[in-house]
Amino acid sequence: MALYLLSVHGPAKRGELGGYASTEEMEKAFAATDAFNETLKTDGYWVFAGGLKEASTATVVDGQGESPVLTDGPYLETKEVIGGFWIVDAPDLDVALDLAARGSTACGGKVEVRPFEGAA
């Protein structure tokens, strides 16, 4: 088994509905994501998952100099940001890709799959 990060990408400016077109669409995606999370747990893939607040709440820390420099906001200026993620323990990349496809369907967003260092 190997660890994979499944990161959900969405609009940097999410607004009140988190980037969803309607309250109903948002509630449907949240319910589907909760069901997907339960499946990950039941099937033994679950390690950890979480949703993130808007990128504007980020603080970038640069500790390369004599003292750390703190900067408000995201590190990169971009139209899309990571809005949430799953960390899964999957036997191989094919399974991780299948899980990402199912997660993408559930949450209604694009999902990037990246293995952790040392992953098989």
PDB file of N, CA and C in Angstrom:
ATOM      1  N   MET A   1       0.851  -1.182   0.000  1.00  0.00           N
ATOM      2  CA  MET A   1       0.000   0.000   0.000  1.00  0.00           C
ATOM      3  C   MET A   1       0.896   1.244   0.000  1.00  0.00           C
ATOM      4  N   ALA A   2       0.392   2.299  -0.612  1.00  0.00           N
ATOM      5  CA  ALA A   2       1.134   3.548  -0.707  1.00  0.00           C
ATOM      6  C   ALA A   2       0.186   4.714  -0.449  1.00  0.00           C
ATOM      7  N   LEU A   3       0.739   5.812   0.039  1.00  0.00           N
ATOM      8  CA  LEU A   3      -0.059   6.990   0.322  1.00  0.00           C
ATOM      9  C   LEU A   3      -0.122   7.908  -0.894  1.00  0.00           C
ATOM     10  N   TYR A   4      -1.317   8.435  -1.153  1.00  0.00           N
ATOM     11  CA  TYR A   4      -1.554   9.360  -2.255  1.00  0.00           C
ATOM     12  C   TYR A   4      -2.327  10.563  -1.726  1.00  0.00           C
ATOM     13  N   LEU A   5      -1.980  11.726  -2.248  1.00  0.00           N
ATOM     14  CA  LEU A   5      -2.729  12.942  -1.979  1.00  0.00           C
ATOM     15  C   LEU A   5      -3.689  13.166  -3.132  1.00  0.00           C
ATOM     16  N   LEU A   6      -4.971  13.256  -2.822  1.00  0.00           N
ATOM     17  CA  LEU A   6      -5.990  13.580  -3.814  1.00  0.00           C
ATOM     18  C   LEU A   6      -6.453  14.991  -3.481  1.00  0.00           C
ATOM     19  N   SER A   7      -5.983  15.968  -4.235  1.00  0.00           N
ATOM     20  CA  SER A   7      -6.314  17.361  -3.928  1.00  0.00           C
ATOM     21  C   SER A   7      -7.393  17.873  -4.865  1.00  0.00           C
ATOM     22  N   VAL A   8      -8.387  18.527  -4.275  1.00  0.00           N
ATOM     23  CA  VAL A   8      -9.530  19.054  -5.015  1.00  0.00           C
ATOM     24  C   VAL A   8      -9.238  20.499  -5.395  1.00  0.00           C
ATOM     25  N   HIS A   9      -9.300  20.784  -6.683  1.00  0.00           N
ATOM     26  CA  HIS A   9      -9.055  22.131  -7.173  1.00  0.00           C
ATOM     27  C   HIS A   9     -10.375  22.812  -7.500  1.00  0.00           C
ATOM     28  N   GLY A  10     -10.444  24.097  -7.168  1.00  0.00           N
ATOM     29  CA  GLY A  10     -11.652  24.860  -7.451  1.00  0.00           C
ATOM     30  C   GLY A  10     -11.314  26.328  -7.582  1.00  0.00           C
ATOM     31  N   PRO A  11     -12.337  27.144  -7.769  1.00  0.00           N
ATOM     32  CA  PRO A  11     -12.101  28.574  -7.994  1.00  0.00           C
ATOM     33  C   PRO A  11     -11.487  29.259  -6.781  1.00  0.00           C
ATOM     34  N   ALA A  12     -10.554  30.176  -7.023  1.00  0.00           N
ATOM     35  CA  ALA A  12      -9.930  30.929  -5.935  1.00  0.00           C
ATOM     36  C   ALA A  12     -10.963  31.795  -5.222  1.00  0.00           C
ATOM     37  N   LYS A  13     -11.878  32.386  -5.965  1.00  0.00           N
ATOM     38  CA  LYS A  13     -12.959  33.201  -5.397  1.00  0.00           C
ATOM     39  C   LYS A  13     -14.205  32.333  -5.319  1.00  0.00           C
ATOM     40  N   ARG A  14     -14.464  31.767  -4.142  1.00  0.00           N
ATOM     41  CA  ARG A  14     -15.551  30.805  -4.008  1.00  0.00           C
ATOM     42  C   ARG A  14     -16.889  31.436  -3.694  1.00  0.00           C
ATOM     43  N   GLY A  15     -16.900  32.568  -3.026  1.00  0.00           N
ATOM     44  CA  GLY A  15     -18.154  33.200  -2.675  1.00  0.00           C
ATOM     45  C   GLY A  15     -18.901  32.446  -1.598  1.00  0.00           C
ATOM     46  N   GLU A  16     -20.119  32.877  -1.364  1.00  0.00           N
ATOM     47  CA  GLU A  16     -20.945  32.341  -0.286  1.00  0.00           C
ATOM     48  C   GLU A  16     -21.274  30.864  -0.457  1.00  0.00           C
ATOM     49  N   LEU A  17     -21.399  30.405  -1.695  1.00  0.00           N
ATOM     50  CA  LEU A  17     -21.786  29.017  -1.954  1.00  0.00           C
ATOM     51  C   LEU A  17     -20.586  28.122  -2.267  1.00  0.00           C
ATOM     52  N   GLY A  18     -19.385  28.589  -1.989  1.00  0.00           N
ATOM     53  CA  GLY A  18     -18.211  27.752  -2.180  1.00  0.00           C
ATOM     54  C   GLY A  18     -17.928  27.404  -3.629  1.00  0.00           C
ATOM     55  N   GLY A  19     -18.383  28.227  -4.560  1.00  0.00           N
ATOM     56  CA  GLY A  19     -18.151  27.961  -5.975  1.00  0.00           C
ATOM     57  C   GLY A  19     -19.264  27.158  -6.640  1.00  0.00           C
ATOM     58  N   TYR A  20     -20.252  26.720  -5.862  1.00  0.00           N
ATOM     59  CA  TYR A  20     -21.382  25.987  -6.434  1.00  0.00           C
ATOM     60  C   TYR A  20     -22.417  26.969  -6.971  1.00  0.00           C
ATOM     61  N   ALA A  21     -23.171  26.539  -7.968  1.00  0.00           N
ATOM     62  CA  ALA A  21     -24.141  27.417  -8.631  1.00  0.00           C
ATOM     63  C   ALA A  21     -25.374  27.706  -7.773  1.00  0.00           C
ATOM     64  N   SER A  22     -25.706  26.795  -6.862  1.00  0.00           N
ATOM     65  CA  SER A  22     -26.898  26.979  -6.034  1.00  0.00           C
ATOM     66  C   SER A  22     -26.711  26.261  -4.698  1.00  0.00           C
ATOM     67  N   THR A  23     -27.557  26.601  -3.758  1.00  0.00           N
ATOM     68  CA  THR A  23     -27.537  25.935  -2.451  1.00  0.00           C
ATOM     69  C   THR A  23     -27.810  24.445  -2.624  1.00  0.00           C
ATOM     70  N   GLU A  24     -28.748  24.123  -3.509  1.00  0.00           N
ATOM     71  CA  GLU A  24     -29.088  22.720  -3.738  1.00  0.00           C
ATOM     72  C   GLU A  24     -27.896  21.941  -4.291  1.00  0.00           C
ATOM     73  N   GLU A  25     -27.175  22.552  -5.240  1.00  0.00           N
ATOM     74  CA  GLU A  25     -26.002  21.899  -5.817  1.00  0.00           C
ATOM     75  C   GLU A  25     -24.926  21.691  -4.748  1.00  0.00           C
ATOM     76  N   MET A  26     -24.735  22.682  -3.891  1.00  0.00           N
ATOM     77  CA  MET A  26     -23.744  22.574  -2.825  1.00  0.00           C
ATOM     78  C   MET A  26     -24.120  21.465  -1.842  1.00  0.00           C
ATOM     79  N   GLU A  27     -25.374  21.436  -1.421  1.00  0.00           N
ATOM     80  CA  GLU A  27     -25.830  20.423  -0.471  1.00  0.00           C
ATOM     81  C   GLU A  27     -25.730  19.022  -1.062  1.00  0.00           C
ATOM     82  N   LYS A  28     -26.040  18.894  -2.345  1.00  0.00           N
ATOM     83  CA  LYS A  28     -25.935  17.601  -3.022  1.00  0.00           C
ATOM     84  C   LYS A  28     -24.474  17.134  -3.049  1.00  0.00           C
ATOM     85  N   ALA A  29     -23.553  18.049  -3.366  1.00  0.00           N
ATOM     86  CA  ALA A  29     -22.126  17.698  -3.400  1.00  0.00           C
ATOM     87  C   ALA A  29     -21.618  17.337  -2.009  1.00  0.00           C
ATOM     88  N   PHE A  30     -22.040  18.064  -0.988  1.00  0.00           N
ATOM     89  CA  PHE A  30     -21.603  17.759   0.377  1.00  0.00           C
ATOM     90  C   PHE A  30     -22.101  16.375   0.803  1.00  0.00           C
ATOM     91  N   ALA A  31     -23.345  16.050   0.483  1.00  0.00           N
ATOM     92  CA  ALA A  31     -23.895  14.735   0.836  1.00  0.00           C
ATOM     93  C   ALA A  31     -23.165  13.624   0.089  1.00  0.00           C
ATOM     94  N   ALA A  32     -22.888  13.849  -1.195  1.00  0.00           N
ATOM     95  CA  ALA A  32     -22.176  12.841  -1.985  1.00  0.00           C
ATOM     96  C   ALA A  32     -20.742  12.672  -1.478  1.00  0.00           C
ATOM     97  N   THR A  33     -20.110  13.768  -1.077  1.00  0.00           N
ATOM     98  CA  THR A  33     -18.751  13.689  -0.542  1.00  0.00           C
ATOM     99  C   THR A  33     -18.738  12.957   0.792  1.00  0.00           C
ATOM    100  N   ASP A  34     -19.725  13.221   1.645  1.00  0.00           N
ATOM    101  CA  ASP A  34     -19.824  12.485   2.915  1.00  0.00           C
ATOM    102  C   ASP A  34     -19.973  10.989   2.661  1.00  0.00           C
ATOM    103  N   ALA A  35     -20.800  10.619   1.684  1.00  0.00           N
ATOM    104  CA  ALA A  35     -20.992   9.205   1.350  1.00  0.00           C
ATOM    105  C   ALA A  35     -19.688   8.600   0.811  1.00  0.00           C
ATOM    106  N   PHE A  36     -18.978   9.354  -0.037  1.00  0.00           N
ATOM    107  CA  PHE A  36     -17.687   8.891  -0.563  1.00  0.00           C
ATOM    108  C   PHE A  36     -16.696   8.703   0.578  1.00  0.00           C
ATOM    109  N   ASN A  37     -16.665   9.635   1.527  1.00  0.00           N
ATOM    110  CA  ASN A  37     -15.771   9.506   2.677  1.00  0.00           C
ATOM    111  C   ASN A  37     -16.065   8.228   3.461  1.00  0.00           C
ATOM    112  N   GLU A  38     -17.335   7.941   3.662  1.00  0.00           N
ATOM    113  CA  GLU A  38     -17.714   6.727   4.391  1.00  0.00           C
ATOM    114  C   GLU A  38     -17.269   5.474   3.632  1.00  0.00           C
ATOM    115  N   THR A  39     -17.378   5.507   2.301  1.00  0.00           N
ATOM    116  CA  THR A  39     -16.914   4.373   1.487  1.00  0.00           C
ATOM    117  C   THR A  39     -15.407   4.193   1.622  1.00  0.00           C
ATOM    118  N   LEU A  40     -14.651   5.308   1.590  1.00  0.00           N
ATOM    119  CA  LEU A  40     -13.197   5.212   1.778  1.00  0.00           C
ATOM    120  C   LEU A  40     -12.863   4.553   3.114  1.00  0.00           C
ATOM    121  N   LYS A  41     -13.593   4.928   4.152  1.00  0.00           N
ATOM    122  CA  LYS A  41     -13.358   4.351   5.482  1.00  0.00           C
ATOM    123  C   LYS A  41     -13.696   2.865   5.505  1.00  0.00           C
ATOM    124  N   THR A  42     -14.873   2.536   4.978  1.00  0.00           N
ATOM    125  CA  THR A  42     -15.336   1.147   4.969  1.00  0.00           C
ATOM    126  C   THR A  42     -14.398   0.244   4.169  1.00  0.00           C
ATOM    127  N   ASP A  43     -13.900   0.767   3.029  1.00  0.00           N
ATOM    128  CA  ASP A  43     -13.038  -0.029   2.154  1.00  0.00           C
ATOM    129  C   ASP A  43     -11.569  -0.015   2.570  1.00  0.00           C
ATOM    130  N   GLY A  44     -11.230   0.736   3.631  1.00  0.00           N
ATOM    131  CA  GLY A  44      -9.877   0.726   4.173  1.00  0.00           C
ATOM    132  C   GLY A  44      -8.872   1.638   3.483  1.00  0.00           C
ATOM    133  N   TYR A  45      -9.342   2.583   2.674  1.00  0.00           N
ATOM    134  CA  TYR A  45      -8.433   3.517   1.987  1.00  0.00           C
ATOM    135  C   TYR A  45      -8.199   4.807   2.770  1.00  0.00           C
ATOM    136  N   TRP A  46      -9.098   5.134   3.664  1.00  0.00           N
ATOM    137  CA  TRP A  46      -9.100   6.405   4.376  1.00  0.00           C
ATOM    138  C   TRP A  46      -7.858   6.552   5.258  1.00  0.00           C
ATOM    139  N   VAL A  47      -7.186   7.692   5.162  1.00  0.00           N
ATOM    140  CA  VAL A  47      -6.160   8.093   6.109  1.00  0.00           C
ATOM    141  C   VAL A  47      -6.598   9.397   6.768  1.00  0.00           C
ATOM    142  N   PHE A  48      -6.888  10.390   5.935  1.00  0.00           N
ATOM    143  CA  PHE A  48      -7.284  11.702   6.446  1.00  0.00           C
ATOM    144  C   PHE A  48      -7.879  12.502   5.301  1.00  0.00           C
ATOM    145  N   ALA A  49      -8.755  13.449   5.626  1.00  0.00           N
ATOM    146  CA  ALA A  49      -9.307  14.346   4.610  1.00  0.00           C
ATOM    147  C   ALA A  49      -9.729  15.639   5.275  1.00  0.00           C
ATOM    148  N   GLY A  50      -9.855  16.685   4.470  1.00  0.00           N
ATOM    149  CA  GLY A  50     -10.320  17.949   5.011  1.00  0.00           C
ATOM    150  C   GLY A  50     -10.594  18.962   3.926  1.00  0.00           C
ATOM    151  N   GLY A  51     -11.478  19.873   4.248  1.00  0.00           N
ATOM    152  CA  GLY A  51     -11.747  21.013   3.386  1.00  0.00           C
ATOM    153  C   GLY A  51     -10.968  22.210   3.911  1.00  0.00           C
ATOM    154  N   LEU A  52     -10.590  23.088   3.016  1.00  0.00           N
ATOM    155  CA  LEU A  52      -9.797  24.252   3.399  1.00  0.00           C
ATOM    156  C   LEU A  52     -10.613  25.531   3.273  1.00  0.00           C
ATOM    157  N   LYS A  53     -10.317  26.496   4.121  1.00  0.00           N
ATOM    158  CA  LYS A  53     -10.936  27.815   4.000  1.00  0.00           C
ATOM    159  C   LYS A  53     -10.376  28.490   2.759  1.00  0.00           C
ATOM    160  N   GLU A  54     -10.980  29.606   2.352  1.00  0.00           N
ATOM    161  CA  GLU A  54     -10.538  30.325   1.156  1.00  0.00           C
ATOM    162  C   GLU A  54      -9.051  30.643   1.215  1.00  0.00           C
ATOM    163  N   ALA A  55      -8.429  30.682   0.056  1.00  0.00           N
ATOM    164  CA  ALA A  55      -6.990  30.946  -0.042  1.00  0.00           C
ATOM    165  C   ALA A  55      -6.618  32.299   0.551  1.00  0.00           C
ATOM    166  N   SER A  56      -7.547  33.225   0.583  1.00  0.00           N
ATOM    167  CA  SER A  56      -7.265  34.546   1.150  1.00  0.00           C
ATOM    168  C   SER A  56      -6.967  34.483   2.645  1.00  0.00           C
ATOM    169  N   THR A  57      -7.295  33.363   3.294  1.00  0.00           N
ATOM    170  CA  THR A  57      -7.008  33.198   4.722  1.00  0.00           C
ATOM    171  C   THR A  57      -5.604  32.662   4.969  1.00  0.00           C
ATOM    172  N   ALA A  58      -4.880  32.342   3.902  1.00  0.00           N
ATOM    173  CA  ALA A  58      -3.544  31.743   4.029  1.00  0.00           C
ATOM    174  C   ALA A  58      -2.513  32.768   4.487  1.00  0.00           C
ATOM    175  N   THR A  59      -1.475  32.267   5.114  1.00  0.00           N
ATOM    176  CA  THR A  59      -0.292  33.052   5.441  1.00  0.00           C
ATOM    177  C   THR A  59       0.913  32.282   4.921  1.00  0.00           C
ATOM    178  N   VAL A  60       1.757  32.940   4.153  1.00  0.00           N
ATOM    179  CA  VAL A  60       2.970  32.328   3.623  1.00  0.00           C
ATOM    180  C   VAL A  60       4.114  32.672   4.573  1.00  0.00           C
ATOM    181  N   VAL A  61       4.860  31.669   4.996  1.00  0.00           N
ATOM    182  CA  VAL A  61       5.988  31.848   5.898  1.00  0.00           C
ATOM    183  C   VAL A  61       7.271  31.527   5.150  1.00  0.00           C
ATOM    184  N   ASP A  62       8.184  32.486   5.081  1.00  0.00           N
ATOM    185  CA  ASP A  62       9.494  32.285   4.459  1.00  0.00           C
ATOM    186  C   ASP A  62      10.553  32.368   5.552  1.00  0.00           C
ATOM    187  N   GLY A  63      11.048  31.212   5.964  1.00  0.00           N
ATOM    188  CA  GLY A  63      12.039  31.137   7.030  1.00  0.00           C
ATOM    189  C   GLY A  63      13.453  30.975   6.525  1.00  0.00           C
ATOM    190  N   GLN A  64      13.717  31.383   5.306  1.00  0.00           N
ATOM    191  CA  GLN A  64      15.041  31.185   4.718  1.00  0.00           C
ATOM    192  C   GLN A  64      16.058  32.232   5.170  1.00  0.00           C
ATOM    193  N   GLY A  65      15.604  33.362   5.679  1.00  0.00           N
ATOM    194  CA  GLY A  65      16.512  34.422   6.102  1.00  0.00           C
ATOM    195  C   GLY A  65      16.801  34.347   7.586  1.00  0.00           C
ATOM    196  N   GLU A  66      17.318  35.454   8.126  1.00  0.00           N
ATOM    197  CA  GLU A  66      17.660  35.505   9.550  1.00  0.00           C
ATOM    198  C   GLU A  66      16.421  35.390  10.435  1.00  0.00           C
ATOM    199  N   SER A  67      15.327  35.988   9.994  1.00  0.00           N
ATOM    200  CA  SER A  67      14.075  35.859  10.725  1.00  0.00           C
ATOM    201  C   SER A  67      12.951  35.608   9.718  1.00  0.00           C
ATOM    202  N   PRO A  68      11.924  34.870  10.131  1.00  0.00           N
ATOM    203  CA  PRO A  68      10.836  34.535   9.205  1.00  0.00           C
ATOM    204  C   PRO A  68      10.112  35.775   8.697  1.00  0.00           C
ATOM    205  N   VAL A  69       9.714  35.731   7.423  1.00  0.00           N
ATOM    206  CA  VAL A  69       8.904  36.777   6.820  1.00  0.00           C
ATOM    207  C   VAL A  69       7.518  36.185   6.583  1.00  0.00           C
ATOM    208  N   LEU A  70       6.489  36.851   7.104  1.00  0.00           N
ATOM    209  CA  LEU A  70       5.109  36.395   6.969  1.00  0.00           C
ATOM    210  C   LEU A  70       4.393  37.295   5.974  1.00  0.00           C
ATOM    211  N   THR A  71       3.697  36.672   5.026  1.00  0.00           N
ATOM    212  CA  THR A  71       2.958  37.413   4.014  1.00  0.00           C
ATOM    213  C   THR A  71       1.530  36.901   3.977  1.00  0.00           C
ATOM    214  N   ASP A  72       0.566  37.819   4.003  1.00  0.00           N
ATOM    215  CA  ASP A  72      -0.842  37.432   3.920  1.00  0.00           C
ATOM    216  C   ASP A  72      -1.175  36.925   2.528  1.00  0.00           C
ATOM    217  N   GLY A  73      -2.113  35.990   2.475  1.00  0.00           N
ATOM    218  CA  GLY A  73      -2.631  35.509   1.202  1.00  0.00           C
ATOM    219  C   GLY A  73      -1.885  34.306   0.673  1.00  0.00           C
ATOM    220  N   PRO A  74      -2.385  33.754  -0.408  1.00  0.00           N
ATOM    221  CA  PRO A  74      -1.766  32.548  -0.966  1.00  0.00           C
ATOM    222  C   PRO A  74      -0.393  32.846  -1.566  1.00  0.00           C
ATOM    223  N   TYR A  75       0.417  31.813  -1.674  1.00  0.00           N
ATOM    224  CA  TYR A  75       1.755  31.928  -2.241  1.00  0.00           C
ATOM    225  C   TYR A  75       1.702  32.293  -3.720  1.00  0.00           C
ATOM    226  N   LEU A  76       0.789  31.663  -4.444  1.00  0.00           N
ATOM    227  CA  LEU A  76       0.676  31.893  -5.881  1.00  0.00           C
ATOM    228  C   LEU A  76      -0.586  32.689  -6.211  1.00  0.00           C
ATOM    229  N   GLU A  77      -0.487  33.545  -7.190  1.00  0.00           N
ATOM    230  CA  GLU A  77      -1.666  34.225  -7.735  1.00  0.00           C
ATOM    231  C   GLU A  77      -2.219  33.311  -8.819  1.00  0.00           C
ATOM    232  N   THR A  78      -3.417  32.814  -8.635  1.00  0.00           N
ATOM    233  CA  THR A  78      -3.979  31.855  -9.564  1.00  0.00           C
ATOM    234  C   THR A  78      -5.503  31.924  -9.541  1.00  0.00           C
ATOM    235  N   LYS A  79      -6.132  31.387 -10.560  1.00  0.00           N
ATOM    236  CA  LYS A  79      -7.590  31.367 -10.623  1.00  0.00           C
ATOM    237  C   LYS A  79      -8.173  30.154  -9.915  1.00  0.00           C
ATOM    238  N   GLU A  80      -7.352  29.100  -9.748  1.00  0.00           N
ATOM    239  CA  GLU A  80      -7.801  27.906  -9.053  1.00  0.00           C
ATOM    240  C   GLU A  80      -6.856  27.602  -7.903  1.00  0.00           C
ATOM    241  N   VAL A  81      -7.416  27.088  -6.816  1.00  0.00           N
ATOM    242  CA  VAL A  81      -6.635  26.742  -5.631  1.00  0.00           C
ATOM    243  C   VAL A  81      -7.087  25.377  -5.109  1.00  0.00           C
ATOM    244  N   ILE A  82      -6.349  24.841  -4.174  1.00  0.00           N
ATOM    245  CA  ILE A  82      -6.753  23.605  -3.512  1.00  0.00           C
ATOM    246  C   ILE A  82      -7.810  23.963  -2.473  1.00  0.00           C
ATOM    247  N   GLY A  83      -8.969  23.367  -2.625  1.00  0.00           N
ATOM    248  CA  GLY A  83     -10.073  23.643  -1.713  1.00  0.00           C
ATOM    249  C   GLY A  83     -10.254  22.576  -0.652  1.00  0.00           C
ATOM    250  N   GLY A  84      -9.673  21.418  -0.885  1.00  0.00           N
ATOM    251  CA  GLY A  84      -9.778  20.311   0.052  1.00  0.00           C
ATOM    252  C   GLY A  84      -8.937  19.162  -0.448  1.00  0.00           C
ATOM    253  N   PHE A  85      -8.894  18.085   0.323  1.00  0.00           N
ATOM    254  CA  PHE A  85      -8.033  16.973  -0.054  1.00  0.00           C
ATOM    255  C   PHE A  85      -8.421  15.700   0.689  1.00  0.00           C
ATOM    256  N   TRP A  86      -7.956  14.610   0.141  1.00  0.00           N
ATOM    257  CA  TRP A  86      -7.979  13.315   0.812  1.00  0.00           C
ATOM    258  C   TRP A  86      -6.555  12.782   0.811  1.00  0.00           C
ATOM    259  N   ILE A  87      -6.182  12.088   1.844  1.00  0.00           N
ATOM    260  CA  ILE A  87      -4.977  11.276   1.830  1.00  0.00           C
ATOM    261  C   ILE A  87      -5.478   9.846   1.936  1.00  0.00           C
ATOM    262  N   VAL A  88      -5.128   9.046   0.938  1.00  0.00           N
ATOM    263  CA  VAL A  88      -5.605   7.667   0.888  1.00  0.00           C
ATOM    264  C   VAL A  88      -4.422   6.709   0.871  1.00  0.00           C
ATOM    265  N   ASP A  89      -4.671   5.521   1.347  1.00  0.00           N
ATOM    266  CA  ASP A  89      -3.692   4.442   1.326  1.00  0.00           C
ATOM    267  C   ASP A  89      -4.207   3.418   0.324  1.00  0.00           C
ATOM    268  N   ALA A  90      -3.611   3.412  -0.858  1.00  0.00           N
ATOM    269  CA  ALA A  90      -4.083   2.554  -1.955  1.00  0.00           C
ATOM    270  C   ALA A  90      -2.971   1.603  -2.391  1.00  0.00           C
ATOM    271  N   PRO A  91      -3.330   0.437  -2.932  1.00  0.00           N
ATOM    272  CA  PRO A  91      -2.314  -0.534  -3.324  1.00  0.00           C
ATOM    273  C   PRO A  91      -1.463  -0.086  -4.514  1.00  0.00           C
ATOM    274  N   ASP A  92      -2.030   0.790  -5.382  1.00  0.00           N
ATOM    275  CA  ASP A  92      -1.272   1.245  -6.545  1.00  0.00           C
ATOM    276  C   ASP A  92      -1.928   2.485  -7.148  1.00  0.00           C
ATOM    277  N   LEU A  93      -1.259   3.064  -8.139  1.00  0.00           N
ATOM    278  CA  LEU A  93      -1.737   4.289  -8.772  1.00  0.00           C
ATOM    279  C   LEU A  93      -3.100   4.097  -9.429  1.00  0.00           C
ATOM    280  N   ASP A  94      -3.337   2.940 -10.040  1.00  0.00           N
ATOM    281  CA  ASP A  94      -4.624   2.712 -10.701  1.00  0.00           C
ATOM    282  C   ASP A  94      -5.786   2.821  -9.721  1.00  0.00           C
ATOM    283  N   VAL A  95      -5.622   2.273  -8.531  1.00  0.00           N
ATOM    284  CA  VAL A  95      -6.671   2.367  -7.513  1.00  0.00           C
ATOM    285  C   VAL A  95      -6.816   3.814  -7.065  1.00  0.00           C
ATOM    286  N   ALA A  96      -5.699   4.516  -6.862  1.00  0.00           N
ATOM    287  CA  ALA A  96      -5.756   5.920  -6.453  1.00  0.00           C
ATOM    288  C   ALA A  96      -6.474   6.759  -7.507  1.00  0.00           C
ATOM    289  N   LEU A  97      -6.224   6.486  -8.785  1.00  0.00           N
ATOM    290  CA  LEU A  97      -6.895   7.215  -9.862  1.00  0.00           C
ATOM    291  C   LEU A  97      -8.392   6.931  -9.871  1.00  0.00           C
ATOM    292  N   ASP A  98      -8.767   5.686  -9.616  1.00  0.00           N
ATOM    293  CA  ASP A  98     -10.189   5.343  -9.538  1.00  0.00           C
ATOM    294  C   ASP A  98     -10.846   6.067  -8.370  1.00  0.00           C
ATOM    295  N   LEU A  99     -10.169   6.091  -7.226  1.00  0.00           N
ATOM    296  CA  LEU A  99     -10.713   6.804  -6.072  1.00  0.00           C
ATOM    297  C   LEU A  99     -10.857   8.295  -6.377  1.00  0.00           C
ATOM    298  N   ALA A 100      -9.868   8.865  -7.069  1.00  0.00           N
ATOM    299  CA  ALA A 100      -9.925  10.283  -7.432  1.00  0.00           C
ATOM    300  C   ALA A 100     -11.105  10.563  -8.355  1.00  0.00           C
ATOM    301  N   ALA A 101     -11.365   9.670  -9.286  1.00  0.00           N
ATOM    302  CA  ALA A 101     -12.505   9.847 -10.192  1.00  0.00           C
ATOM    303  C   ALA A 101     -13.813   9.826  -9.410  1.00  0.00           C
ATOM    304  N   ARG A 102     -13.910   8.920  -8.466  1.00  0.00           N
ATOM    305  CA  ARG A 102     -15.113   8.840  -7.642  1.00  0.00           C
ATOM    306  C   ARG A 102     -15.252  10.061  -6.740  1.00  0.00           C
ATOM    307  N   GLY A 103     -14.129  10.537  -6.197  1.00  0.00           N
ATOM    308  CA  GLY A 103     -14.149  11.748  -5.381  1.00  0.00           C
ATOM    309  C   GLY A 103     -14.521  12.972  -6.189  1.00  0.00           C
ATOM    310  N   SER A 104     -14.009  13.061  -7.415  1.00  0.00           N
ATOM    311  CA  SER A 104     -14.328  14.171  -8.308  1.00  0.00           C
ATOM    312  C   SER A 104     -15.819  14.215  -8.609  1.00  0.00           C
ATOM    313  N   THR A 105     -16.387  13.053  -8.885  1.00  0.00           N
ATOM    314  CA  THR A 105     -17.823  12.968  -9.135  1.00  0.00           C
ATOM    315  C   THR A 105     -18.599  13.426  -7.906  1.00  0.00           C
ATOM    316  N   ALA A 106     -18.158  12.990  -6.730  1.00  0.00           N
ATOM    317  CA  ALA A 106     -18.866  13.321  -5.494  1.00  0.00           C
ATOM    318  C   ALA A 106     -18.843  14.815  -5.195  1.00  0.00           C
ATOM    319  N   CYS A 107     -17.671  15.431  -5.274  1.00  0.00           N
ATOM    320  CA  CYS A 107     -17.552  16.829  -4.850  1.00  0.00           C
ATOM    321  C   CYS A 107     -17.793  17.812  -5.980  1.00  0.00           C
ATOM    322  N   GLY A 108     -17.772  17.341  -7.221  1.00  0.00           N
ATOM    323  CA  GLY A 108     -18.006  18.220  -8.360  1.00  0.00           C
ATOM    324  C   GLY A 108     -16.823  19.096  -8.703  1.00  0.00           C
ATOM    325  N   GLY A 109     -15.613  18.624  -8.415  1.00  0.00           N
ATOM    326  CA  GLY A 109     -14.408  19.388  -8.720  1.00  0.00           C
ATOM    327  C   GLY A 109     -13.342  18.503  -9.337  1.00  0.00           C
ATOM    328  N   LYS A 110     -12.313  19.135  -9.882  1.00  0.00           N
ATOM    329  CA  LYS A 110     -11.183  18.391 -10.431  1.00  0.00           C
ATOM    330  C   LYS A 110     -10.313  17.909  -9.287  1.00  0.00           C
ATOM    331  N   VAL A 111      -9.769  16.690  -9.418  1.00  0.00           N
ATOM    332  CA  VAL A 111      -8.944  16.104  -8.368  1.00  0.00           C
ATOM    333  C   VAL A 111      -7.594  15.712  -8.952  1.00  0.00           C
ATOM    334  N   GLU A 112      -6.537  16.234  -8.353  1.00  0.00           N
ATOM    335  CA  GLU A 112      -5.162  15.891  -8.740  1.00  0.00           C
ATOM    336  C   GLU A 112      -4.661  14.774  -7.843  1.00  0.00           C
ATOM    337  N   VAL A 113      -3.984  13.793  -8.428  1.00  0.00           N
ATOM    338  CA  VAL A 113      -3.446  12.652  -7.680  1.00  0.00           C
ATOM    339  C   VAL A 113      -1.936  12.751  -7.653  1.00  0.00           C
ATOM    340  N   ARG A 114      -1.356  12.706  -6.450  1.00  0.00           N
ATOM    341  CA  ARG A 114       0.105  12.726  -6.318  1.00  0.00           C
ATOM    342  C   ARG A 114       0.532  11.738  -5.260  1.00  0.00           C
ATOM    343  N   PRO A 115       1.473  10.857  -5.606  1.00  0.00           N
ATOM    344  CA  PRO A 115       1.991   9.929  -4.604  1.00  0.00           C
ATOM    345  C   PRO A 115       2.945  10.646  -3.655  1.00  0.00           C
ATOM    346  N   PHE A 116       2.993  10.204  -2.433  1.00  0.00           N
ATOM    347  CA  PHE A 116       3.967  10.687  -1.484  1.00  0.00           C
ATOM    348  C   PHE A 116       5.326  10.082  -1.827  1.00  0.00           C
ATOM    349  N   GLU A 117       6.394  10.750  -1.446  1.00  0.00           N
ATOM    350  CA  GLU A 117       7.750  10.215  -1.632  1.00  0.00           C
ATOM    351  C   GLU A 117       7.812   8.820  -1.036  1.00  0.00           C
ATOM    352  N   GLY A 118       8.464   7.923  -1.733  1.00  0.00           N
ATOM    353  CA  GLY A 118       8.593   6.553  -1.254  1.00  0.00           C
ATOM    354  C   GLY A 118       7.404   5.679  -1.566  1.00  0.00           C
ATOM    355  N   ALA A 119       6.394   6.235  -2.256  1.00  0.00           N
ATOM    356  CA  ALA A 119       5.219   5.433  -2.617  1.00  0.00           C
ATOM    357  C   ALA A 119       5.603   4.451  -3.720  1.00  0.00           C
ATOM    358  N   ALA A 120       4.967   3.324  -3.695  1.00  0.00           N
ATOM    359  CA  ALA A 120       5.259   2.287  -4.702  1.00  0.00           C
ATOM    360  C   ALA A 120       4.765   2.684  -6.056  1.00  0.00           C
TER     361      ALA A 120
END
